[in-house]
Amino acid sequence: MSGIDRITDKIIEQARLQAKNRVNYALEAAEKAEANLTKRFNRTMESEKKHAASDGDEAAKRVIANVKLEGRKKKLSARQDAVNLVFDKAVEIMAGLPEKDYIEFLSDLAVSVLGKGENHLILNAEDRERLGTKLLKVVIGKAPKKTVVISDETVKSSGGLVVRNGDIQTNLTLESIIRLEREKLEADVVGIIFESE
């Protein structure tokens, strides 16, 4: 082998060795880069999992809070319905008093607000027809110095009456009385109905 061939072989051998070293270096660099990317990916995934879990926990807490709020609203609405039922029943009971007691009750209401001049007792249509004359006698008996008449007008109510004296009207219907008393009694009614809670 001539000197040129040996030199050529040596150059080729060195080139192969350099190429092999470069390939090995590139493979090592690629492995390192892949390992670094895998680590970064895993860290990113862990971080995203934590964020997702945290976001999921927050979303779950919001859903639970909303469900509890809706539950409280429904409970409050049911309580209010129960209280309304109690006061509606009170109106019904008062309107259903025995005739003698009911006339006594209405006459006491009327006498308490009678004024000077002509006083008109305005009843609902049923009470006017059924009790008007009897009520008038009792009121006149309790307030003989007052001028009292049963009005031709009627009021829409479950019971009770309106007393009109000139321009002044006093609403003594059962609904009005209960509405006024409700403000004073509602807390007690709630306490009685829901005392076990």
Protein backbone atom coordinates (compact mmCIF):
# COMPACT_ATOMS: atom_id res chain seq x y z
CA MET A 1 0.00 0.00 0.00
CA SER A 2 1.40 3.25 -1.01
CA GLY A 3 1.78 6.25 1.21
CA ILE A 4 -1.15 7.97 -0.43
CA ASP A 5 -3.40 5.02 0.21
CA ARG A 6 -2.34 4.87 3.86
CA ILE A 7 -2.93 8.58 4.27
CA THR A 8 -6.27 8.25 2.53
CA ASP A 9 -7.20 5.30 4.76
CA LYS A 10 -6.13 7.21 7.83
CA ILE A 11 -8.17 10.25 6.79
CA ILE A 12 -11.18 8.02 6.10
CA GLU A 13 -10.72 6.27 9.44
CA GLN A 14 -10.52 9.59 11.27
CA ALA A 15 -13.58 10.84 9.41
CA ARG A 16 -15.45 7.66 10.41
CA LEU A 17 -14.33 8.07 13.99
CA GLN A 18 -15.36 11.75 14.00
CA ALA A 19 -18.69 10.88 12.39
CA LYS A 20 -19.23 8.10 14.97
CA ASN A 21 -18.33 10.50 17.79
CA ARG A 22 -20.63 13.14 16.38
CA VAL A 23 -23.46 10.62 16.03
CA ASN A 24 -22.84 9.38 19.59
CA TYR A 25 -22.73 12.97 20.83
CA ALA A 26 -25.92 13.81 18.94
CA LEU A 27 -27.61 10.67 20.36
CA GLU A 28 -26.52 11.58 23.89
CA ALA A 29 -27.71 15.17 23.38
CA ALA A 30 -31.02 13.88 22.02
CA GLU A 31 -31.41 11.51 24.99
CA LYS A 32 -30.64 14.36 27.41
CA ALA A 33 -33.04 16.66 25.61
CA GLU A 34 -35.72 13.94 25.65
CA ALA A 35 -35.12 13.33 29.39
CA ASN A 36 -35.34 17.07 30.08
CA LEU A 37 -38.49 17.38 27.99
CA THR A 38 -40.00 14.37 29.78
CA LYS A 39 -39.20 15.94 33.17
CA ARG A 40 -40.69 19.28 32.07
CA PHE A 41 -43.73 17.52 30.66
CA ASN A 42 -44.21 15.56 33.91
CA ARG A 43 -43.79 18.71 36.01
CA THR A 44 -46.25 20.56 33.77
CA MET A 45 -48.71 17.66 33.96
CA GLU A 46 -48.44 17.56 37.77
CA SER A 47 -48.95 21.29 37.95
CA GLU A 48 -51.95 21.10 35.60
CA LYS A 49 -53.39 18.19 37.61
CA LYS A 50 -53.08 20.26 40.81
CA HIS A 51 -54.69 23.28 39.10
CA ALA A 52 -57.44 21.09 37.66
CA ALA A 53 -58.04 19.47 41.06
CA SER A 54 -58.11 22.89 42.72
CA ASP A 55 -60.45 24.26 40.03
CA GLY A 56 -62.60 21.14 40.38
CA ASP A 57 -62.73 21.56 44.16
CA GLU A 58 -63.73 25.21 43.75
CA ALA A 59 -66.40 24.33 41.18
CA ALA A 60 -67.72 21.56 43.45
CA LYS A 61 -67.81 23.98 46.41
CA ARG A 62 -69.75 26.50 44.31
CA VAL A 63 -72.24 23.84 43.21
CA ILE A 64 -72.71 22.64 46.80
CA ALA A 65 -73.14 26.24 48.04
CA ASN A 66 -75.74 26.91 45.33
CA VAL A 67 -77.62 23.71 46.18
CA LYS A 68 -77.61 24.65 49.89
CA LEU A 69 -78.82 28.16 49.04
CA GLU A 70 -81.66 26.77 46.92
CA GLY A 71 -82.53 24.39 49.75
CA ARG A 72 -82.67 27.28 52.23
CA LYS A 73 -84.84 29.28 49.82
CA LYS A 74 -87.27 26.38 49.44
CA LYS A 75 -87.35 25.82 53.20
CA LEU A 76 -87.99 29.52 53.81
CA SER A 77 -90.74 29.52 51.19
CA ALA A 78 -92.36 26.47 52.81
CA ARG A 79 -92.15 28.16 56.22
CA GLN A 80 -93.74 31.30 54.81
CA ASP A 81 -96.53 29.21 53.26
CA ALA A 82 -97.15 27.54 56.63
CA VAL A 83 -97.30 30.91 58.42
CA ASN A 84 -99.66 32.29 55.75
CA LEU A 85 -101.86 29.24 56.24
CA VAL A 86 -102.05 29.90 60.00
CA PHE A 87 -103.16 33.51 59.49
CA ASP A 88 -105.60 32.53 56.71
CA LYS A 89 -107.05 29.96 59.08
CA ALA A 90 -107.39 32.65 61.77
CA VAL A 91 -109.51 34.74 59.36
CA GLU A 92 -111.60 31.65 58.57
CA ILE A 93 -112.13 30.87 62.27
CA MET A 94 -113.12 34.47 63.07
CA ALA A 95 -115.57 34.54 60.15
CA GLY A 96 -117.00 31.21 61.31
CA LEU A 97 -117.72 32.26 64.90
CA PRO A 98 -121.21 31.41 66.14
CA GLU A 99 -123.64 34.17 65.09
CA LYS A 100 -124.10 35.63 68.57
CA ASP A 101 -120.32 35.79 69.20
CA TYR A 102 -119.66 37.18 65.72
CA ILE A 103 -122.25 39.96 66.16
CA GLU A 104 -120.76 40.80 69.57
CA PHE A 105 -117.29 40.93 68.02
CA LEU A 106 -118.40 43.16 65.12
CA SER A 107 -120.37 45.47 67.40
CA ASP A 108 -117.36 45.96 69.68
CA LEU A 109 -115.23 46.79 66.64
CA ALA A 110 -117.79 49.28 65.33
CA VAL A 111 -118.47 51.02 68.67
CA SER A 112 -114.74 51.56 69.21
CA VAL A 113 -114.51 53.83 66.15
CA LEU A 114 -117.92 55.53 65.89
CA GLY A 115 -117.69 59.25 65.33
CA LYS A 116 -120.01 62.27 65.44
CA GLY A 117 -122.62 62.44 62.73
CA GLU A 118 -123.89 59.52 60.69
CA ASN A 119 -121.83 56.31 60.86
CA HIS A 120 -122.25 53.79 58.03
CA LEU A 121 -121.46 50.14 58.73
CA ILE A 122 -120.27 48.50 55.51
CA LEU A 123 -120.35 44.69 55.57
CA ASN A 124 -119.65 41.99 53.00
CA ALA A 125 -122.77 40.97 51.04
CA GLU A 126 -123.38 37.76 53.01
CA ASP A 127 -123.01 39.36 56.46
CA ARG A 128 -125.14 42.34 55.39
CA GLU A 129 -127.97 40.04 54.34
CA ARG A 130 -127.68 37.63 57.26
CA LEU A 131 -126.67 39.88 60.18
CA GLY A 132 -127.20 43.52 59.20
CA THR A 133 -130.36 44.23 61.21
CA LYS A 134 -129.21 42.26 64.27
CA LEU A 135 -125.82 43.97 64.26
CA LEU A 136 -127.41 47.40 63.98
CA LYS A 137 -129.59 46.75 67.05
CA VAL A 138 -126.62 45.65 69.13
CA VAL A 139 -124.47 48.63 68.06
CA ILE A 140 -127.29 51.10 68.81
CA GLY A 141 -127.75 49.39 72.19
CA LYS A 142 -124.04 49.87 73.00
CA ALA A 143 -123.85 53.44 71.64
CA PRO A 144 -127.34 54.96 71.93
CA LYS A 145 -126.14 58.53 71.40
CA LYS A 146 -124.53 57.73 68.04
CA THR A 147 -126.24 57.71 64.66
CA VAL A 148 -125.59 54.37 62.97
CA VAL A 149 -126.95 52.84 59.75
CA ILE A 150 -126.18 49.74 57.71
CA SER A 151 -124.81 50.90 54.37
CA ASP A 152 -126.18 49.73 51.03
CA GLU A 153 -122.55 49.36 49.94
CA THR A 154 -120.68 46.12 50.53
CA VAL A 155 -117.02 45.36 51.03
CA LYS A 156 -115.12 42.43 49.55
CA SER A 157 -113.79 40.57 52.56
CA SER A 158 -114.18 37.34 54.47
CA GLY A 159 -115.83 39.24 57.28
CA GLY A 160 -115.54 42.18 59.59
CA LEU A 161 -116.69 45.64 58.52
CA VAL A 162 -115.73 49.12 57.44
CA VAL A 163 -117.06 52.09 59.40
CA ARG A 164 -117.45 55.26 57.35
CA ASN A 165 -118.12 58.61 58.98
CA GLY A 166 -118.06 61.39 56.39
CA ASP A 167 -114.76 61.18 54.55
CA ILE A 168 -113.17 58.93 57.17
CA GLN A 169 -113.25 55.18 56.65
CA THR A 170 -111.92 52.76 59.24
CA ASN A 171 -111.12 49.35 57.81
CA LEU A 172 -112.01 46.69 60.37
CA THR A 173 -112.28 43.78 57.94
CA LEU A 174 -110.90 40.49 59.22
CA GLU A 175 -108.10 40.59 56.66
CA SER A 176 -107.09 44.08 57.80
CA ILE A 177 -107.19 43.14 61.48
CA ILE A 178 -105.14 40.00 60.88
CA ARG A 179 -102.65 41.92 58.72
CA LEU A 180 -102.09 44.42 61.56
CA GLU A 181 -101.86 41.72 64.20
CA ARG A 182 -99.61 39.59 62.03
CA GLU A 183 -96.74 42.05 62.43
CA LYS A 184 -96.93 41.56 66.20
CA LEU A 185 -97.58 37.82 66.18
CA GLU A 186 -95.62 36.39 63.26
CA ALA A 187 -92.43 35.72 65.25
CA ASP A 188 -94.46 33.89 67.93
CA VAL A 189 -96.30 31.85 65.29
CA VAL A 190 -93.02 30.88 63.62
CA GLY A 191 -91.61 29.87 67.02
CA ILE A 192 -94.64 27.71 67.80
CA ILE A 193 -94.83 26.04 64.37
CA PHE A 194 -91.12 25.36 64.02
CA GLU A 195 -90.02 25.04 67.66
CA SER A 196 -88.51 21.58 67.08
CA GLU A 197 -86.04 22.87 64.47
